[in-house]
Amino acid sequence: MKKIFIVLIVLVSHSISFGQWIEQSTPSPIFNLFSFSFPSLNTGFAVGYGNRMIKTTDSGNNWFNISIFPNTAENLNSIWFINENSGWMCSTNDTLYQTTNSALTWTRQMKLQSDGQKIFFVDSNTGWIVAQPRLYKTTDAGSNWTVVSTQMGNYFTFVSANTGWMATYPGGGSIIHKTTDGGSTWTAQLSTSSFRNIYCFEFINESTGWAAGYREYILKTTNGGLNWVSQRDMGNSVGLVSMDFINENTGWAVGGSGYSLYTVNGGTTWNQINLNSNGGNVKFLNSNTGWVIGNKVFKTTTTGLVCRSLQLNALIEGFYDNVSNSMINDTATVYLKNSFSPYNNVDSSKAVLNSNGSGTFNYFNATNGVGYFIVIKHRNSVETWSSAAQSFVSNSLNYNMTTSQSQAFGNNLRLVNNTPVRYAVYSGDTNQDGAIDASDLSNTDNDAVNSLTGYVNTDVTGDNFVDAQDISIVDNNAIGAVSVVRP
């Protein structure tokens, strides 16, 4: 069997930051990379246009250019390593190549029926190659490959040795198929409408998965593909070509022209970030470390999510002392809600409001330039809304509810100090039903009679004792019929 020897050229990496993603320098020439494989955190390989292969052995700090076919113009379409030494790649010359020495040499292992489009393994023994219309399978770590289907599309995934999905194109849209016998037989599950072509799949288990493709079309299933629900359909020309989820909530989808999306709620909402890279393939090695490749290479070690921070100032009436102009620290949850009816939740964050009433609340599901109502919820205070929708600029937003009553919707704040002027959210909604009334007073009175102590909702002064002070605050606000005021 003929062996192909490689030439190595090293380039030391520098980095350019795009949010939480760092651009990695790669050797020239700059061509699109189609596929990559990291058998470990340190060692990775990527292949692409013009028989290009690059390799790293130090987690991307340095990359080596590997010349596989110096006298040909074939493209390397897909690569997969089951460990740092053993791997396969397929190309546009209808051939499967194998290495057993970490890409130092490559052997032509098998002639394929057509261009090899994708290699995929679910474990060290079981893998597939698609060379349309044939699907090849191995169960012995690549020693032998057998044709198991002659009706394959280019786009497929497996979650186990038996269960997988693929997309075919009979015309117009796509048909999603499922197999439960390792790819030998396939059953149609869903036909998409015209121009909603599926380019990629991602499943985190045999029940929950996503499919994505042209026009930012994203589908989700929670029952193994029996039913699919559309999560996104933008009607534009962006094709999503790769997806990866690190858990049931957090995932990424990437497409052409650096177009990237992420979600932190299982795909209910998606946020955009531009990585300035054409094409794309995304894969996380663990919950923090991930890679995106195209004509550029990006890496994250912090999940890749874009954090947007709200610096909030808000005082809690019962916890505030007007003599010292400070309050007892306590935790609050702050929601971001849409600026239009029905004012759905977009994101939430929990943090401590310190003695100055200041807290930093971080969000991963917000977007710059979009208006959100800020809604404060505290364990025994009335839910309080910002007076108007507020927007993040450059991932940052500051909002102060302590200096003016008009900062709250409906002026729903209590004046707690005249010098300096300070306003606070109303205390006393101990049962969190949105109103301070007789039921809150009854709860507080009963706990005071029983001398209840500790971190309890009826302790509206935050001193860990339920007593007459707490009763007084609740009683006063109940008489005033204080309640939440919403748009």
Protein backbone atom coordinates (compact mmCIF):
# COMPACT_ATOMS: atom_id res chain seq x y z
CA MET A 1 0.00 0.00 0.00
CA LYS A 2 1.30 3.42 -0.92
CA LYS A 3 2.25 5.76 1.91
CA ILE A 4 2.13 9.52 1.79
CA PHE A 5 4.76 11.42 3.76
CA ILE A 6 4.10 14.87 5.10
CA VAL A 7 6.03 18.11 5.39
CA LEU A 8 5.65 20.21 8.54
CA ILE A 9 5.77 23.99 8.73
CA VAL A 10 5.28 25.66 12.12
CA LEU A 11 3.67 28.97 12.89
CA VAL A 12 3.42 30.43 16.38
CA SER A 13 -0.11 31.50 17.19
CA HIS A 14 -1.20 35.02 18.02
CA SER A 15 -4.74 35.82 18.98
CA ILE A 16 -7.53 38.25 18.21
CA SER A 17 -10.54 38.32 20.51
CA PHE A 18 -14.17 38.21 19.34
CA GLY A 19 -16.09 38.31 22.61
CA GLN A 20 -15.34 35.02 24.36
CA TRP A 21 -13.77 33.49 21.20
CA ILE A 22 -10.06 33.97 20.44
CA GLU A 23 -8.85 33.84 16.86
CA GLN A 24 -5.89 31.49 16.44
CA SER A 25 -3.20 32.15 13.86
CA THR A 26 -2.71 29.37 11.32
CA PRO A 27 -0.06 28.86 8.63
CA SER A 28 -0.47 30.21 5.12
CA PRO A 29 -2.04 29.72 2.64
CA ILE A 30 -5.45 30.74 3.95
CA PHE A 31 -8.07 28.32 2.62
CA ASN A 32 -11.35 27.18 4.07
CA LEU A 33 -11.18 24.37 6.59
CA PHE A 34 -14.11 21.97 6.42
CA SER A 35 -13.60 19.51 9.26
CA PHE A 36 -11.56 19.04 12.42
CA SER A 37 -10.95 16.46 15.12
CA PHE A 38 -9.46 16.84 18.60
CA PRO A 39 -8.72 13.42 20.12
CA SER A 40 -7.43 15.27 23.21
CA LEU A 41 -7.35 18.81 24.57
CA ASN A 42 -3.83 19.31 23.22
CA THR A 43 -3.82 17.46 19.91
CA GLY A 44 -6.01 18.47 17.01
CA PHE A 45 -6.23 18.18 13.24
CA ALA A 46 -8.15 20.19 10.65
CA VAL A 47 -8.58 19.67 6.91
CA GLY A 48 -10.10 21.58 4.04
CA TYR A 49 -9.85 23.12 0.62
CA GLY A 50 -6.81 22.47 -1.59
CA ASN A 51 -5.62 19.33 0.27
CA ARG A 52 -4.92 21.47 3.31
CA MET A 53 -4.24 19.90 6.70
CA ILE A 54 -3.04 21.62 9.86
CA LYS A 55 -2.15 20.10 13.22
CA THR A 56 -1.60 21.32 16.76
CA THR A 57 -0.03 19.51 19.70
CA ASP A 58 -0.34 22.31 22.26
CA SER A 59 -4.06 23.12 22.24
CA GLY A 60 -3.79 25.55 19.35
CA ASN A 61 -0.89 27.72 20.50
CA ASN A 62 1.14 26.47 17.53
CA TRP A 63 -0.14 24.97 14.28
CA PHE A 64 1.75 22.89 11.72
CA ASN A 65 0.99 22.92 8.01
CA ILE A 66 0.92 19.34 6.72
CA SER A 67 1.38 18.88 2.98
CA ILE A 68 -0.45 15.68 2.03
CA PHE A 69 -0.81 15.91 -1.76
CA PRO A 70 1.61 18.60 -2.97
CA ASN A 71 0.90 17.96 -6.66
CA THR A 72 -2.90 17.69 -6.59
CA ALA A 73 -5.79 20.06 -6.00
CA GLU A 74 -8.18 17.71 -4.25
CA ASN A 75 -10.10 18.86 -1.20
CA LEU A 76 -9.97 17.07 2.15
CA ASN A 77 -13.60 16.94 3.22
CA SER A 78 -13.63 15.21 6.61
CA ILE A 79 -11.28 13.92 9.30
CA TRP A 80 -11.76 11.90 12.48
CA PHE A 81 -9.33 10.56 15.09
CA ILE A 82 -10.31 7.97 17.70
CA ASN A 83 -7.08 8.66 19.63
CA GLU A 84 -3.97 10.75 19.08
CA ASN A 85 -2.48 8.19 16.67
CA SER A 86 -5.33 6.58 14.75
CA GLY A 87 -7.42 8.58 12.33
CA TRP A 88 -9.10 8.70 8.92
CA MET A 89 -9.79 11.33 6.31
CA CYS A 90 -11.72 11.34 3.05
CA SER A 91 -11.41 13.61 0.05
CA THR A 92 -12.66 14.51 -3.40
CA ASN A 93 -10.59 11.76 -5.03
CA ASP A 94 -12.97 9.03 -3.80
CA THR A 95 -10.45 7.59 -1.35
CA LEU A 96 -10.37 6.83 2.37
CA TYR A 97 -7.01 7.46 4.03
CA GLN A 98 -5.77 6.13 7.35
CA THR A 99 -2.96 7.06 9.72
CA THR A 100 -1.68 5.15 12.74
CA ASN A 101 1.11 7.55 13.69
CA SER A 102 -0.66 10.85 14.37
CA ALA A 103 -0.63 12.02 10.72
CA LEU A 104 3.08 11.50 10.08
CA THR A 105 2.14 9.16 7.23
CA TRP A 106 -1.15 8.30 5.55
CA THR A 107 -2.16 5.07 3.81
CA ARG A 108 -4.78 4.75 1.10
CA GLN A 109 -7.05 2.31 2.88
CA MET A 110 -10.01 2.00 0.53
CA LYS A 111 -11.48 3.28 -2.71
CA LEU A 112 -14.92 4.83 -2.18
CA GLN A 113 -17.80 4.88 -4.63
CA SER A 114 -17.72 8.69 -4.80
CA ASP A 115 -16.32 11.69 -2.96
CA GLY A 116 -16.12 10.98 0.75
CA GLN A 117 -18.18 13.67 2.48
CA LYS A 118 -18.19 12.89 6.18
CA ILE A 119 -16.60 10.56 8.74
CA PHE A 120 -18.26 10.07 12.11
CA PHE A 121 -17.54 7.77 15.09
CA VAL A 122 -19.64 7.23 18.21
CA ASP A 123 -16.90 5.32 20.03
CA SER A 124 -13.44 3.90 19.35
CA ASN A 125 -14.85 0.98 17.36
CA THR A 126 -18.02 2.12 15.60
CA GLY A 127 -18.01 4.66 12.81
CA TRP A 128 -19.47 5.60 9.43
CA ILE A 129 -18.40 7.26 6.19
CA VAL A 130 -20.83 8.71 3.69
CA ALA A 131 -19.86 8.74 0.02
CA GLN A 132 -23.21 9.50 -1.51
CA PRO A 133 -25.29 7.43 -2.06
CA ARG A 134 -23.37 4.83 -0.03
CA LEU A 135 -22.96 4.61 3.73
CA TYR A 136 -19.96 2.62 4.97
CA LYS A 137 -19.74 1.31 8.52
CA THR A 138 -17.01 -0.14 10.72
CA THR A 139 -17.38 -1.98 14.02
CA ASP A 140 -13.71 -2.89 14.47
CA ALA A 141 -12.00 0.50 14.78
CA GLY A 142 -11.68 1.01 11.05
CA SER A 143 -9.97 -2.24 10.12
CA ASN A 144 -12.89 -3.17 7.87
CA TRP A 145 -15.64 -1.09 6.27
CA THR A 146 -18.93 -2.45 4.91
CA VAL A 147 -21.60 -0.78 2.80
CA VAL A 148 -24.79 -0.78 4.91
CA SER A 149 -26.95 1.56 2.81
CA THR A 150 -27.11 2.84 -0.76
CA GLN A 151 -29.68 5.58 -0.14
CA MET A 152 -27.70 8.12 1.85
CA GLY A 153 -27.73 11.89 1.93
CA ASN A 154 -24.60 13.84 2.82
CA TYR A 155 -25.80 15.06 6.22
CA PHE A 156 -26.17 12.60 9.09
CA THR A 157 -25.41 11.91 12.73
CA PHE A 158 -25.52 9.00 15.17
CA VAL A 159 -25.97 8.95 18.94
CA SER A 160 -25.22 5.24 19.37
CA ALA A 161 -24.12 2.26 17.33
CA ASN A 162 -27.72 1.81 16.20
CA THR A 163 -29.56 5.14 16.28
CA GLY A 164 -29.02 7.98 13.84
CA TRP A 165 -30.64 10.56 11.56
CA MET A 166 -29.97 11.84 8.05
CA ALA A 167 -31.38 14.37 5.58
CA THR A 168 -32.11 13.76 1.90
CA TYR A 169 -33.21 16.12 -0.88
CA PRO A 170 -35.96 14.79 -3.15
CA GLY A 171 -36.65 18.34 -4.35
CA GLY A 172 -37.80 21.53 -2.66
CA GLY A 173 -37.13 20.85 1.01
CA SER A 174 -35.53 18.01 2.94
CA ILE A 175 -36.71 14.71 4.36
CA ILE A 176 -35.42 13.72 7.79
CA HIS A 177 -34.93 9.97 8.21
CA LYS A 178 -34.11 7.86 11.26
CA THR A 179 -32.36 4.51 11.63
CA THR A 180 -32.40 2.16 14.62
CA ASP A 181 -30.24 -0.59 13.10
CA GLY A 182 -26.97 1.23 12.54
CA GLY A 183 -27.82 2.65 9.14
CA SER A 184 -29.07 -0.41 7.26
CA THR A 185 -32.66 0.83 7.03
CA TRP A 186 -34.10 4.32 7.32
CA THR A 187 -37.61 5.59 8.09
CA ALA A 188 -38.83 9.02 7.00
CA GLN A 189 -39.91 11.23 9.91
CA LEU A 190 -40.46 14.72 8.52
CA SER A 191 -40.59 16.59 5.21
CA THR A 192 -39.59 20.24 5.43
CA SER A 193 -41.10 22.95 3.24
CA SER A 194 -39.35 24.43 0.21
CA PHE A 195 -35.97 26.06 0.82
CA ARG A 196 -35.80 24.65 4.36
CA ASN A 197 -32.95 22.28 3.54
CA ILE A 198 -31.27 20.52 6.47
CA TYR A 199 -27.47 20.71 6.59
CA CYS A 200 -26.64 19.39 10.06
CA PHE A 201 -27.88 17.52 13.12
CA GLU A 202 -27.01 17.52 16.80
CA PHE A 203 -28.38 15.06 19.36
CA ILE A 204 -27.42 15.00 23.04
CA ASN A 205 -29.24 11.69 23.61
CA GLU A 206 -31.67 9.45 21.76
CA SER A 207 -34.60 11.74 22.61
CA THR A 208 -33.41 15.34 22.35
CA GLY A 209 -31.86 16.80 19.24
CA TRP A 210 -31.80 19.61 16.70
CA ALA A 211 -31.63 19.92 12.92
CA ALA A 212 -30.58 23.10 11.12
CA GLY A 213 -29.95 24.40 7.64
CA TYR A 214 -30.81 26.99 5.02
CA ARG A 215 -32.46 30.29 6.00
CA GLU A 216 -31.41 29.83 9.64
CA TYR A 217 -33.96 27.05 9.86
CA ILE A 218 -33.73 25.22 13.21
CA LEU A 219 -35.90 22.33 14.37
CA LYS A 220 -35.97 20.56 17.73
CA THR A 221 -37.27 17.19 18.87
CA THR A 222 -37.64 15.83 22.39
CA ASN A 223 -39.00 12.40 21.45
CA GLY A 224 -36.42 10.97 19.11
CA GLY A 225 -37.76 12.65 16.01
CA LEU A 226 -41.39 11.58 16.23
CA ASN A 227 -42.25 15.27 16.40
CA TRP A 228 -40.18 18.26 15.34
CA VAL A 229 -40.86 21.86 16.40
CA SER A 230 -39.55 24.87 14.49
CA GLN A 231 -37.44 27.13 16.71
CA ARG A 232 -36.11 29.55 14.12
CA ASP A 233 -36.92 30.37 10.49
CA MET A 234 -35.51 33.70 9.33
CA GLY A 235 -36.14 33.38 5.60
CA ASN A 236 -32.68 34.73 4.70
CA SER A 237 -29.83 33.18 2.73
CA VAL A 238 -27.76 32.08 5.72
CA GLY A 239 -27.14 28.35 5.85
CA LEU A 240 -26.36 26.81 9.24
CA VAL A 241 -23.89 24.01 8.56
CA SER A 242 -22.78 22.79 11.99
CA MET A 243 -24.22 22.53 15.51
CA ASP A 244 -22.95 21.39 18.89
CA PHE A 245 -24.59 21.36 22.34
CA ILE A 246 -22.69 20.93 25.59
CA ASN A 247 -25.90 20.14 27.50
CA GLU A 248 -29.64 20.30 26.93
CA ASN A 249 -29.66 24.09 27.25
CA THR A 250 -26.41 25.49 25.87
CA GLY A 251 -25.46 25.10 22.24
CA TRP A 252 -23.98 26.71 19.15
CA ALA A 253 -24.84 26.80 15.45
CA VAL A 254 -22.53 28.24 12.79
CA GLY A 255 -22.87 29.10 9.12
CA GLY A 256 -21.38 31.10 6.28
CA SER A 257 -19.71 34.51 6.51
CA GLY A 258 -18.92 34.11 10.19
CA TYR A 259 -22.56 33.82 11.15
CA SER A 260 -22.84 32.13 14.55
CA LEU A 261 -25.73 31.62 16.96
CA TYR A 262 -25.85 30.44 20.55
CA THR A 263 -28.63 29.49 22.93
CA VAL A 264 -28.74 29.04 26.70
CA ASN A 265 -32.33 27.79 26.90
CA GLY A 266 -32.40 24.77 24.63
CA GLY A 267 -33.05 26.78 21.49
CA THR A 268 -36.12 28.72 22.63
CA THR A 269 -34.16 31.84 21.77
CA TRP A 270 -30.93 32.26 19.80
CA ASN A 271 -28.38 35.06 19.94
CA GLN A 272 -26.05 36.09 17.14
CA ILE A 273 -22.30 36.72 17.20
CA ASN A 274 -20.13 37.33 14.14
CA LEU A 275 -16.79 35.51 14.24
CA ASN A 276 -15.61 37.00 10.93
CA SER A 277 -14.93 33.60 9.40
CA ASN A 278 -16.30 32.12 6.19
CA GLY A 279 -17.80 28.65 6.44
CA GLY A 280 -17.85 26.83 9.72
CA ASN A 281 -17.68 23.78 11.90
CA VAL A 282 -18.18 23.93 15.66
CA LYS A 283 -17.28 21.38 18.31
CA PHE A 284 -16.81 21.49 22.09
CA LEU A 285 -14.36 19.14 23.77
CA ASN A 286 -15.93 19.76 27.18
CA SER A 287 -18.30 22.25 28.78
CA ASN A 288 -15.79 25.10 28.44
CA THR A 289 -13.39 24.41 25.57
CA GLY A 290 -14.64 24.65 22.02
CA TRP A 291 -13.50 25.37 18.48
CA VAL A 292 -14.98 26.99 15.39
CA ILE A 293 -13.20 26.61 12.06
CA GLY A 294 -13.68 28.03 8.57
CA ASN A 295 -11.17 30.19 6.76
CA LYS A 296 -10.13 31.14 10.29
CA VAL A 297 -9.81 29.20 13.53
CA PHE A 298 -11.37 30.33 16.81
CA LYS A 299 -11.10 28.86 20.29
CA THR A 300 -12.91 29.45 23.59
CA THR A 301 -12.13 28.19 27.07
CA THR A 302 -15.14 29.92 28.66
CA THR A 303 -18.06 28.26 26.79
CA GLY A 304 -17.90 30.97 24.11
CA LEU A 305 -20.98 32.72 25.45
CA VAL A 306 -21.21 36.49 25.30
CA CYS A 307 -21.88 37.89 28.76
CA ARG A 308 -23.85 41.11 29.05
CA SER A 309 -23.73 42.78 32.46
CA LEU A 310 -26.32 44.91 34.21
CA GLN A 311 -24.95 47.12 36.97
CA LEU A 312 -28.04 47.72 39.11
CA ASN A 313 -28.57 49.96 42.11
CA ALA A 314 -31.66 49.10 44.13
CA LEU A 315 -32.42 49.34 47.85
CA ILE A 316 -34.76 47.12 49.87
CA GLU A 317 -37.00 49.14 52.17
CA GLY A 318 -36.85 46.94 55.26
CA PHE A 319 -33.13 46.18 54.89
CA TYR A 320 -32.15 49.85 54.54
CA ASP A 321 -30.90 52.03 57.42
CA ASN A 322 -31.31 55.75 56.74
CA VAL A 323 -28.88 56.74 59.50
CA SER A 324 -25.91 54.93 57.94
CA ASN A 325 -27.31 55.20 54.39
CA SER A 326 -26.62 51.51 53.89
CA MET A 327 -28.53 48.26 53.83
CA ILE A 328 -28.09 44.65 54.81
CA ASN A 329 -26.80 42.59 51.88
CA ASP A 330 -29.25 40.17 50.32
CA THR A 331 -29.83 38.20 47.14
CA ALA A 332 -32.18 39.40 44.43
CA THR A 333 -33.23 37.95 41.09
CA VAL A 334 -33.48 40.37 38.19
CA TYR A 335 -35.39 39.42 35.05
CA LEU A 336 -35.13 40.90 31.59
CA LYS A 337 -38.54 40.98 29.91
CA ASN A 338 -39.59 41.85 26.40
CA SER A 339 -40.66 45.46 25.92
CA PHE A 340 -43.93 44.40 24.31
CA SER A 341 -46.97 42.47 25.49
CA PRO A 342 -47.12 39.82 26.91
CA TYR A 343 -43.68 40.86 28.27
CA ASN A 344 -42.19 37.37 28.23
CA ASN A 345 -39.02 36.56 30.15
CA VAL A 346 -35.86 36.79 28.06
CA ASP A 347 -33.31 35.99 30.75
CA SER A 348 -32.75 36.12 34.50
CA SER A 349 -29.80 36.52 36.82
CA LYS A 350 -29.30 36.17 40.55
CA ALA A 351 -26.78 38.25 42.49
CA VAL A 352 -26.23 39.98 45.84
CA LEU A 353 -27.22 43.59 46.37
CA ASN A 354 -24.49 44.93 48.63
CA SER A 355 -24.63 47.55 51.38
CA ASN A 356 -24.84 50.31 48.76
CA GLY A 357 -27.65 48.51 46.97
CA SER A 358 -25.33 47.72 44.09
CA GLY A 359 -25.17 44.39 42.27
CA THR A 360 -23.85 42.99 38.99
CA PHE A 361 -26.26 40.75 37.09
CA ASN A 362 -24.93 38.78 34.12
CA TYR A 363 -26.97 37.63 31.12
CA PHE A 364 -26.15 35.36 28.21
CA ASN A 365 -29.47 35.59 26.39
CA ALA A 366 -29.71 39.34 25.88
CA THR A 367 -28.84 41.32 22.76
CA ASN A 368 -27.23 44.73 22.41
CA GLY A 369 -29.56 47.47 21.26
CA VAL A 370 -32.78 45.65 22.17
CA GLY A 371 -35.05 47.14 24.83
CA TYR A 372 -35.89 45.08 27.93
CA PHE A 373 -37.86 45.88 31.07
CA ILE A 374 -35.77 45.31 34.19
CA VAL A 375 -37.80 43.46 36.83
CA ILE A 376 -36.52 43.08 40.39
CA LYS A 377 -37.73 40.24 42.57
CA HIS A 378 -36.69 39.81 46.19
CA ARG A 379 -37.83 37.20 48.69
CA ASN A 380 -40.13 39.52 50.66
CA SER A 381 -40.43 42.65 48.50
CA VAL A 382 -42.90 43.72 45.85
CA GLU A 383 -41.90 42.91 42.29
CA THR A 384 -40.66 46.19 40.79
CA TRP A 385 -40.33 47.12 37.11
CA SER A 386 -38.13 49.74 35.47
CA SER A 387 -40.03 52.77 34.24
CA ALA A 388 -39.18 51.99 30.61
CA ALA A 389 -37.34 49.43 28.52
CA GLN A 390 -33.55 49.62 28.75
CA SER A 391 -30.88 48.49 26.27
CA PHE A 392 -27.38 47.06 26.53
CA VAL A 393 -24.66 49.00 24.74
CA SER A 394 -21.35 47.22 24.15
CA ASN A 395 -22.56 44.41 26.45
CA SER A 396 -23.13 46.79 29.37
CA LEU A 397 -26.11 48.48 31.05
CA ASN A 398 -26.33 50.66 34.17
CA TYR A 399 -29.60 51.36 35.96
CA ASN A 400 -30.23 53.17 39.24
CA MET A 401 -33.53 52.81 41.13
CA THR A 402 -32.37 54.59 44.28
CA THR A 403 -32.32 58.30 43.39
CA SER A 404 -35.69 58.94 41.73
CA GLN A 405 -39.16 57.51 42.19
CA SER A 406 -39.71 57.86 38.45
CA GLN A 407 -37.14 55.13 37.78
CA ALA A 408 -39.81 52.54 38.65
CA PHE A 409 -42.85 51.86 36.53
CA GLY A 410 -45.82 53.63 38.11
CA ASN A 411 -43.44 55.39 40.55
CA ASN A 412 -43.65 52.21 42.61
CA LEU A 413 -40.87 53.03 45.10
CA ARG A 414 -40.79 54.10 48.76
CA LEU A 415 -38.91 57.22 49.86
CA VAL A 416 -36.61 55.97 52.64
CA ASN A 417 -34.24 58.92 53.09
CA ASN A 418 -34.40 62.67 52.47
CA THR A 419 -30.70 63.42 52.90
CA PRO A 420 -29.43 62.03 50.65
CA VAL A 421 -32.58 61.26 48.70
CA ARG A 422 -33.00 57.52 48.49
CA TYR A 423 -35.84 55.33 47.23
CA ALA A 424 -36.33 51.60 47.82
CA VAL A 425 -38.52 48.76 46.64
CA TYR A 426 -41.43 48.09 48.99
CA SER A 427 -40.94 45.36 51.60
CA GLY A 428 -43.66 43.08 52.94
CA ASP A 429 -44.83 40.79 50.13
CA THR A 430 -43.86 37.74 52.17
CA ASN A 431 -45.91 35.25 50.14
CA GLN A 432 -44.82 36.72 46.79
CA ASP A 433 -48.33 37.02 45.36
CA GLY A 434 -47.76 40.55 44.07
CA ALA A 435 -49.62 42.42 46.82
CA ILE A 436 -48.95 43.37 50.44
CA ASP A 437 -52.15 42.61 52.30
CA ALA A 438 -53.74 40.87 55.28
CA SER A 439 -52.27 37.49 54.40
CA ASP A 440 -48.71 38.85 54.58
CA LEU A 441 -49.53 40.60 57.85
CA SER A 442 -51.00 37.42 59.30
CA ASN A 443 -47.92 35.38 58.34
CA THR A 444 -45.57 37.93 59.85
CA ASP A 445 -47.63 38.32 63.03
CA ASN A 446 -47.73 34.55 63.60
CA ASP A 447 -43.97 34.19 63.12
CA ALA A 448 -43.33 37.13 65.47
CA VAL A 449 -45.52 35.54 68.16
CA ASN A 450 -43.49 32.36 67.77
CA SER A 451 -40.21 34.33 67.85
CA LEU A 452 -39.12 32.79 64.56
CA THR A 453 -35.48 33.37 63.62
CA GLY A 454 -33.26 32.74 60.62
CA TYR A 455 -33.40 33.43 56.90
CA VAL A 456 -37.17 33.48 56.50
CA ASN A 457 -39.47 35.53 54.27
CA THR A 458 -41.31 37.14 57.17
CA ASP A 459 -38.06 38.74 58.34
CA VAL A 460 -38.55 41.87 56.25
CA THR A 461 -35.76 43.79 58.02
CA GLY A 462 -33.07 41.19 57.32
CA ASP A 463 -31.87 40.92 60.93
CA ASN A 464 -32.79 37.21 61.21
CA PHE A 465 -35.53 37.93 63.78
CA VAL A 466 -39.26 38.22 63.13
CA ASP A 467 -40.56 40.86 65.53
CA ALA A 468 -42.57 44.06 65.88
CA GLN A 469 -40.38 45.93 63.39
CA ASP A 470 -41.31 43.49 60.66
CA ILE A 471 -44.99 43.68 61.58
CA SER A 472 -44.89 47.47 61.42
CA ILE A 473 -43.47 47.56 57.87
CA VAL A 474 -45.91 44.96 56.55
CA ASP A 475 -48.86 46.62 58.27
CA ASN A 476 -47.99 50.06 56.90
CA ASN A 477 -47.69 48.81 53.31
CA ALA A 478 -50.83 46.68 53.61
CA ILE A 479 -52.79 49.77 54.68
CA GLY A 480 -51.39 51.53 51.62
CA ALA A 481 -52.49 48.61 49.41
CA VAL A 482 -49.02 48.38 47.90
CA SER A 483 -48.81 45.96 44.99
CA VAL A 484 -46.84 45.31 41.83
CA VAL A 485 -47.34 47.82 39.01
CA ARG A 486 -46.72 46.46 35.52
CA PRO A 487 -47.01 47.93 32.03
